[in-house]
Amino acid sequence: MVVTYELFVEPAVHEARKALPGNVRQRILAEIQGLGSMPRPRASRSLKTQGLNLDPAVEVRRVRLEHWRIIYAVNDDEHWVWVLGVYRRPPYGYENLAQVTAPLPRR
């Protein structure tokens, strides 16, 4: 059985995409759209969220696309994916993860 996930995208993600080079912008868009049908692509990794008091059903992940990272959350119970940010690494080092995950449900 194929499960599709409702896709939520923070407004900051749309703004960040506008500043990207054209070829990267299109690849980021395709990756984001793909998260609705495959929330854990092979290039994605789970992020450490201890101390953020997130709902236990929420998993924060990142997917890497060259120097860019898409930070997003997955809730398998409610079948949604919430795209939180697009960042260039380096210099981005996940130091603002508490701020990035602020919109997510807490315990």
N, C-alpha and C. Protein backbone atom coordinates (compact mmCIF):
# COMPACT_ATOMS: atom_id res chain seq x y z
N MET A 1 0.84 -1.19 0.00
CA MET A 1 0.00 0.00 0.00
C MET A 1 0.89 1.25 0.00
N VAL A 2 0.65 2.12 -0.94
CA VAL A 2 1.41 3.36 -1.04
C VAL A 2 0.72 4.44 -0.21
N VAL A 3 1.48 5.06 0.67
CA VAL A 3 0.96 6.13 1.52
C VAL A 3 1.56 7.44 1.04
N THR A 4 0.71 8.42 0.79
CA THR A 4 1.22 9.75 0.44
C THR A 4 1.13 10.63 1.68
N TYR A 5 2.06 11.52 1.79
CA TYR A 5 2.16 12.42 2.93
C TYR A 5 1.75 13.82 2.50
N GLU A 6 1.02 14.50 3.37
CA GLU A 6 0.68 15.90 3.11
C GLU A 6 1.97 16.71 3.28
N LEU A 7 2.21 17.62 2.36
CA LEU A 7 3.46 18.37 2.34
C LEU A 7 3.20 19.82 2.77
N PHE A 8 3.89 20.24 3.82
CA PHE A 8 3.85 21.63 4.29
C PHE A 8 5.22 22.23 4.05
N VAL A 9 5.26 23.46 3.56
CA VAL A 9 6.54 24.13 3.28
C VAL A 9 6.51 25.51 3.94
N GLU A 10 7.49 25.75 4.79
CA GLU A 10 7.59 27.05 5.46
C GLU A 10 7.84 28.15 4.42
N PRO A 11 7.28 29.35 4.63
CA PRO A 11 7.51 30.46 3.70
C PRO A 11 9.00 30.78 3.52
N ALA A 12 9.80 30.59 4.56
CA ALA A 12 11.25 30.87 4.45
C ALA A 12 11.92 29.97 3.42
N VAL A 13 11.38 28.78 3.21
CA VAL A 13 11.94 27.86 2.21
C VAL A 13 11.74 28.42 0.82
N HIS A 14 10.55 28.96 0.55
CA HIS A 14 10.29 29.57 -0.76
C HIS A 14 11.23 30.74 -0.99
N GLU A 15 11.45 31.56 0.05
CA GLU A 15 12.35 32.71 -0.09
C GLU A 15 13.78 32.26 -0.32
N ALA A 16 14.22 31.24 0.40
CA ALA A 16 15.59 30.73 0.22
C ALA A 16 15.79 30.17 -1.18
N ARG A 17 14.79 29.49 -1.71
CA ARG A 17 14.89 28.92 -3.06
C ARG A 17 15.08 29.99 -4.12
N LYS A 18 14.43 31.13 -3.93
CA LYS A 18 14.52 32.21 -4.92
C LYS A 18 15.95 32.71 -5.09
N ALA A 19 16.76 32.60 -4.05
CA ALA A 19 18.13 33.10 -4.08
C ALA A 19 19.12 32.09 -4.65
N LEU A 20 18.68 30.87 -4.93
CA LEU A 20 19.58 29.82 -5.40
C LEU A 20 19.82 29.93 -6.91
N PRO A 21 20.95 29.41 -7.39
CA PRO A 21 21.17 29.34 -8.83
C PRO A 21 20.07 28.49 -9.48
N GLY A 22 19.73 28.79 -10.72
CA GLY A 22 18.60 28.16 -11.41
C GLY A 22 18.59 26.64 -11.39
N ASN A 23 19.74 26.01 -11.70
CA ASN A 23 19.75 24.55 -11.75
C ASN A 23 19.56 23.94 -10.36
N VAL A 24 20.12 24.58 -9.34
CA VAL A 24 19.96 24.10 -7.96
C VAL A 24 18.52 24.33 -7.50
N ARG A 25 17.96 25.48 -7.86
CA ARG A 25 16.59 25.81 -7.48
C ARG A 25 15.62 24.74 -7.98
N GLN A 26 15.79 24.30 -9.20
CA GLN A 26 14.90 23.28 -9.76
C GLN A 26 15.10 21.92 -9.09
N ARG A 27 16.35 21.58 -8.80
CA ARG A 27 16.63 20.30 -8.14
C ARG A 27 16.09 20.28 -6.71
N ILE A 28 16.22 21.41 -6.01
CA ILE A 28 15.67 21.52 -4.65
C ILE A 28 14.15 21.36 -4.70
N LEU A 29 13.50 22.04 -5.64
CA LEU A 29 12.05 21.93 -5.78
C LEU A 29 11.63 20.49 -6.04
N ALA A 30 12.32 19.82 -6.93
CA ALA A 30 11.98 18.42 -7.23
C ALA A 30 12.18 17.53 -6.01
N GLU A 31 13.23 17.77 -5.25
CA GLU A 31 13.49 16.99 -4.03
C GLU A 31 12.38 17.22 -3.01
N ILE A 32 11.99 18.46 -2.82
CA ILE A 32 10.92 18.79 -1.87
C ILE A 32 9.61 18.12 -2.30
N GLN A 33 9.26 18.23 -3.56
CA GLN A 33 8.02 17.62 -4.03
C GLN A 33 8.04 16.11 -3.87
N GLY A 34 9.21 15.50 -4.02
CA GLY A 34 9.34 14.06 -3.88
C GLY A 34 9.14 13.56 -2.44
N LEU A 35 9.33 14.46 -1.46
CA LEU A 35 9.18 14.05 -0.07
C LEU A 35 7.75 13.63 0.27
N GLY A 36 6.78 14.11 -0.49
CA GLY A 36 5.39 13.72 -0.25
C GLY A 36 5.12 12.26 -0.52
N SER A 37 5.87 11.68 -1.43
CA SER A 37 5.67 10.25 -1.74
C SER A 37 6.78 9.38 -1.15
N MET A 38 7.95 9.97 -0.88
CA MET A 38 9.05 9.22 -0.28
C MET A 38 9.73 10.11 0.76
N PRO A 39 9.23 10.10 2.01
CA PRO A 39 9.75 11.02 3.02
C PRO A 39 11.16 10.70 3.53
N ARG A 40 11.67 9.54 3.18
CA ARG A 40 13.02 9.16 3.60
C ARG A 40 13.85 8.68 2.41
N PRO A 41 14.19 9.61 1.50
CA PRO A 41 15.00 9.20 0.35
C PRO A 41 16.37 8.71 0.83
N ARG A 42 17.04 7.99 -0.03
CA ARG A 42 18.33 7.39 0.33
C ARG A 42 19.34 8.43 0.79
N ALA A 43 19.31 9.63 0.24
CA ALA A 43 20.28 10.67 0.60
C ALA A 43 19.92 11.39 1.90
N SER A 44 18.86 10.99 2.58
CA SER A 44 18.45 11.69 3.80
C SER A 44 19.02 11.00 5.04
N ARG A 45 19.14 11.77 6.10
CA ARG A 45 19.62 11.28 7.38
C ARG A 45 18.79 11.89 8.50
N SER A 46 18.62 11.14 9.56
CA SER A 46 17.93 11.63 10.75
C SER A 46 18.87 12.56 11.51
N LEU A 47 18.33 13.63 12.09
CA LEU A 47 19.13 14.57 12.87
C LEU A 47 18.89 14.33 14.36
N LYS A 48 19.89 14.62 15.16
CA LYS A 48 19.78 14.48 16.62
C LYS A 48 18.94 15.64 17.15
N THR A 49 17.88 15.30 17.87
CA THR A 49 16.97 16.33 18.38
C THR A 49 16.76 16.23 19.88
N GLN A 50 17.68 15.55 20.58
CA GLN A 50 17.56 15.46 22.03
C GLN A 50 17.54 16.87 22.62
N GLY A 51 16.69 17.06 23.61
CA GLY A 51 16.59 18.35 24.28
C GLY A 51 15.67 19.34 23.60
N LEU A 52 15.10 18.99 22.45
CA LEU A 52 14.19 19.92 21.76
C LEU A 52 12.73 19.70 22.16
N ASN A 53 12.47 18.64 22.92
CA ASN A 53 11.12 18.32 23.40
C ASN A 53 10.09 18.20 22.28
N LEU A 54 10.50 17.62 21.18
CA LEU A 54 9.57 17.41 20.06
C LEU A 54 8.63 16.27 20.37
N ASP A 55 7.47 16.29 19.75
CA ASP A 55 6.54 15.18 19.83
C ASP A 55 7.29 13.91 19.40
N PRO A 56 7.14 12.81 20.15
CA PRO A 56 7.88 11.58 19.80
C PRO A 56 7.55 11.04 18.41
N ALA A 57 6.40 11.40 17.86
CA ALA A 57 6.02 10.92 16.53
C ALA A 57 6.71 11.71 15.41
N VAL A 58 7.42 12.79 15.75
CA VAL A 58 8.06 13.66 14.76
C VAL A 58 9.54 13.31 14.66
N GLU A 59 9.98 13.07 13.44
CA GLU A 59 11.39 12.81 13.17
C GLU A 59 11.93 13.94 12.29
N VAL A 60 13.00 14.58 12.73
CA VAL A 60 13.62 15.66 11.97
C VAL A 60 14.74 15.03 11.14
N ARG A 61 14.76 15.38 9.85
CA ARG A 61 15.71 14.80 8.91
C ARG A 61 16.33 15.89 8.06
N ARG A 62 17.38 15.52 7.35
CA ARG A 62 17.96 16.42 6.35
C ARG A 62 18.25 15.58 5.11
N VAL A 63 18.13 16.23 3.98
CA VAL A 63 18.53 15.59 2.73
C VAL A 63 19.59 16.48 2.11
N ARG A 64 20.64 15.85 1.62
CA ARG A 64 21.78 16.58 1.06
C ARG A 64 21.66 16.62 -0.45
N LEU A 65 21.90 17.80 -0.99
CA LEU A 65 21.93 17.99 -2.43
C LEU A 65 23.13 18.89 -2.73
N GLU A 66 24.24 18.26 -3.08
CA GLU A 66 25.52 18.95 -3.25
C GLU A 66 25.86 19.70 -1.95
N HIS A 67 26.03 21.03 -2.02
CA HIS A 67 26.38 21.81 -0.82
C HIS A 67 25.14 22.24 -0.04
N TRP A 68 23.97 21.86 -0.46
CA TRP A 68 22.73 22.34 0.13
C TRP A 68 22.11 21.26 1.01
N ARG A 69 21.43 21.72 2.07
CA ARG A 69 20.72 20.82 2.97
C ARG A 69 19.27 21.28 3.08
N ILE A 70 18.37 20.33 2.93
CA ILE A 70 16.94 20.59 3.15
C ILE A 70 16.62 19.97 4.50
N ILE A 71 16.17 20.79 5.42
CA ILE A 71 15.81 20.33 6.76
C ILE A 71 14.29 20.17 6.79
N TYR A 72 13.83 19.00 7.23
CA TYR A 72 12.39 18.74 7.24
C TYR A 72 12.03 17.77 8.35
N ALA A 73 10.75 17.66 8.63
CA ALA A 73 10.25 16.75 9.67
C ALA A 73 9.22 15.83 9.05
N VAL A 74 9.16 14.61 9.61
CA VAL A 74 8.21 13.59 9.14
C VAL A 74 7.39 13.12 10.33
N ASN A 75 6.08 13.00 10.13
CA ASN A 75 5.21 12.40 11.12
C ASN A 75 4.47 11.26 10.43
N ASP A 76 4.85 10.01 10.76
CA ASP A 76 4.24 8.84 10.13
C ASP A 76 2.83 8.57 10.66
N ASP A 77 2.55 9.00 11.90
CA ASP A 77 1.22 8.78 12.47
C ASP A 77 0.16 9.61 11.74
N GLU A 78 0.51 10.86 11.45
CA GLU A 78 -0.44 11.77 10.80
C GLU A 78 -0.16 11.94 9.31
N HIS A 79 0.87 11.30 8.81
CA HIS A 79 1.22 11.31 7.38
C HIS A 79 1.44 12.71 6.82
N TRP A 80 2.37 13.43 7.46
CA TRP A 80 2.77 14.72 6.90
C TRP A 80 4.28 14.87 6.89
N VAL A 81 4.75 15.72 5.97
CA VAL A 81 6.14 16.14 5.88
C VAL A 81 6.13 17.66 5.93
N TRP A 82 6.98 18.22 6.79
CA TRP A 82 7.02 19.66 6.98
C TRP A 82 8.43 20.13 6.64
N VAL A 83 8.57 20.85 5.53
CA VAL A 83 9.88 21.35 5.09
C VAL A 83 10.15 22.66 5.84
N LEU A 84 11.26 22.67 6.58
CA LEU A 84 11.55 23.76 7.50
C LEU A 84 12.59 24.76 7.00
N GLY A 85 13.53 24.31 6.17
CA GLY A 85 14.57 25.23 5.73
C GLY A 85 15.47 24.63 4.66
N VAL A 86 16.15 25.53 3.94
CA VAL A 86 17.16 25.16 2.95
C VAL A 86 18.40 25.98 3.29
N TYR A 87 19.53 25.28 3.51
CA TYR A 87 20.75 25.94 3.95
C TYR A 87 21.94 25.43 3.16
N ARG A 88 22.94 26.30 3.04
CA ARG A 88 24.19 25.92 2.38
C ARG A 88 25.17 25.45 3.45
N ARG A 89 25.81 24.34 3.16
CA ARG A 89 26.81 23.80 4.08
C ARG A 89 28.10 23.58 3.33
N PRO A 90 29.24 24.03 3.81
CA PRO A 90 29.39 24.97 4.91
C PRO A 90 28.91 26.35 4.50
N PRO A 91 28.62 27.22 5.37
CA PRO A 91 28.98 27.26 6.78
C PRO A 91 27.92 26.65 7.71
N TYR A 92 26.74 26.32 7.20
CA TYR A 92 25.67 25.87 8.09
C TYR A 92 26.08 24.61 8.82
N GLY A 93 25.86 24.58 10.15
CA GLY A 93 26.24 23.43 10.96
C GLY A 93 25.15 22.98 11.91
N TYR A 94 23.88 23.27 11.60
CA TYR A 94 22.72 22.83 12.40
C TYR A 94 22.67 23.48 13.78
N GLU A 95 23.41 24.56 13.99
CA GLU A 95 23.42 25.20 15.30
C GLU A 95 22.09 25.87 15.66
N ASN A 96 21.26 26.18 14.68
CA ASN A 96 19.97 26.82 14.95
C ASN A 96 18.81 25.83 14.84
N LEU A 97 19.07 24.56 15.07
CA LEU A 97 18.03 23.54 14.90
C LEU A 97 16.83 23.78 15.82
N ALA A 98 17.06 24.27 17.02
CA ALA A 98 15.94 24.56 17.93
C ALA A 98 15.04 25.64 17.32
N GLN A 99 15.63 26.65 16.72
CA GLN A 99 14.86 27.72 16.09
C GLN A 99 14.16 27.23 14.83
N VAL A 100 14.85 26.43 14.03
CA VAL A 100 14.27 25.91 12.79
C VAL A 100 13.07 25.01 13.07
N THR A 101 13.14 24.23 14.16
CA THR A 101 12.06 23.29 14.48
C THR A 101 10.96 23.92 15.34
N ALA A 102 11.03 25.22 15.60
CA ALA A 102 10.04 25.90 16.44
C ALA A 102 8.58 25.68 16.01
N PRO A 103 8.27 25.61 14.72
CA PRO A 103 6.86 25.41 14.34
C PRO A 103 6.31 24.00 14.62
N LEU A 104 7.18 23.04 14.93
CA LEU A 104 6.75 21.66 15.08
C LEU A 104 6.04 21.41 16.40
N PRO A 105 5.17 20.39 16.45
CA PRO A 105 4.47 20.06 17.71
C PRO A 105 5.46 19.60 18.79
N ARG A 106 5.20 20.02 20.01
CA ARG A 106 6.04 19.66 21.18
C ARG A 106 5.28 18.67 22.06
N ARG A 107 6.03 18.08 22.97
CA ARG A 107 5.44 17.14 23.94
C ARG A 107 4.48 17.85 24.84
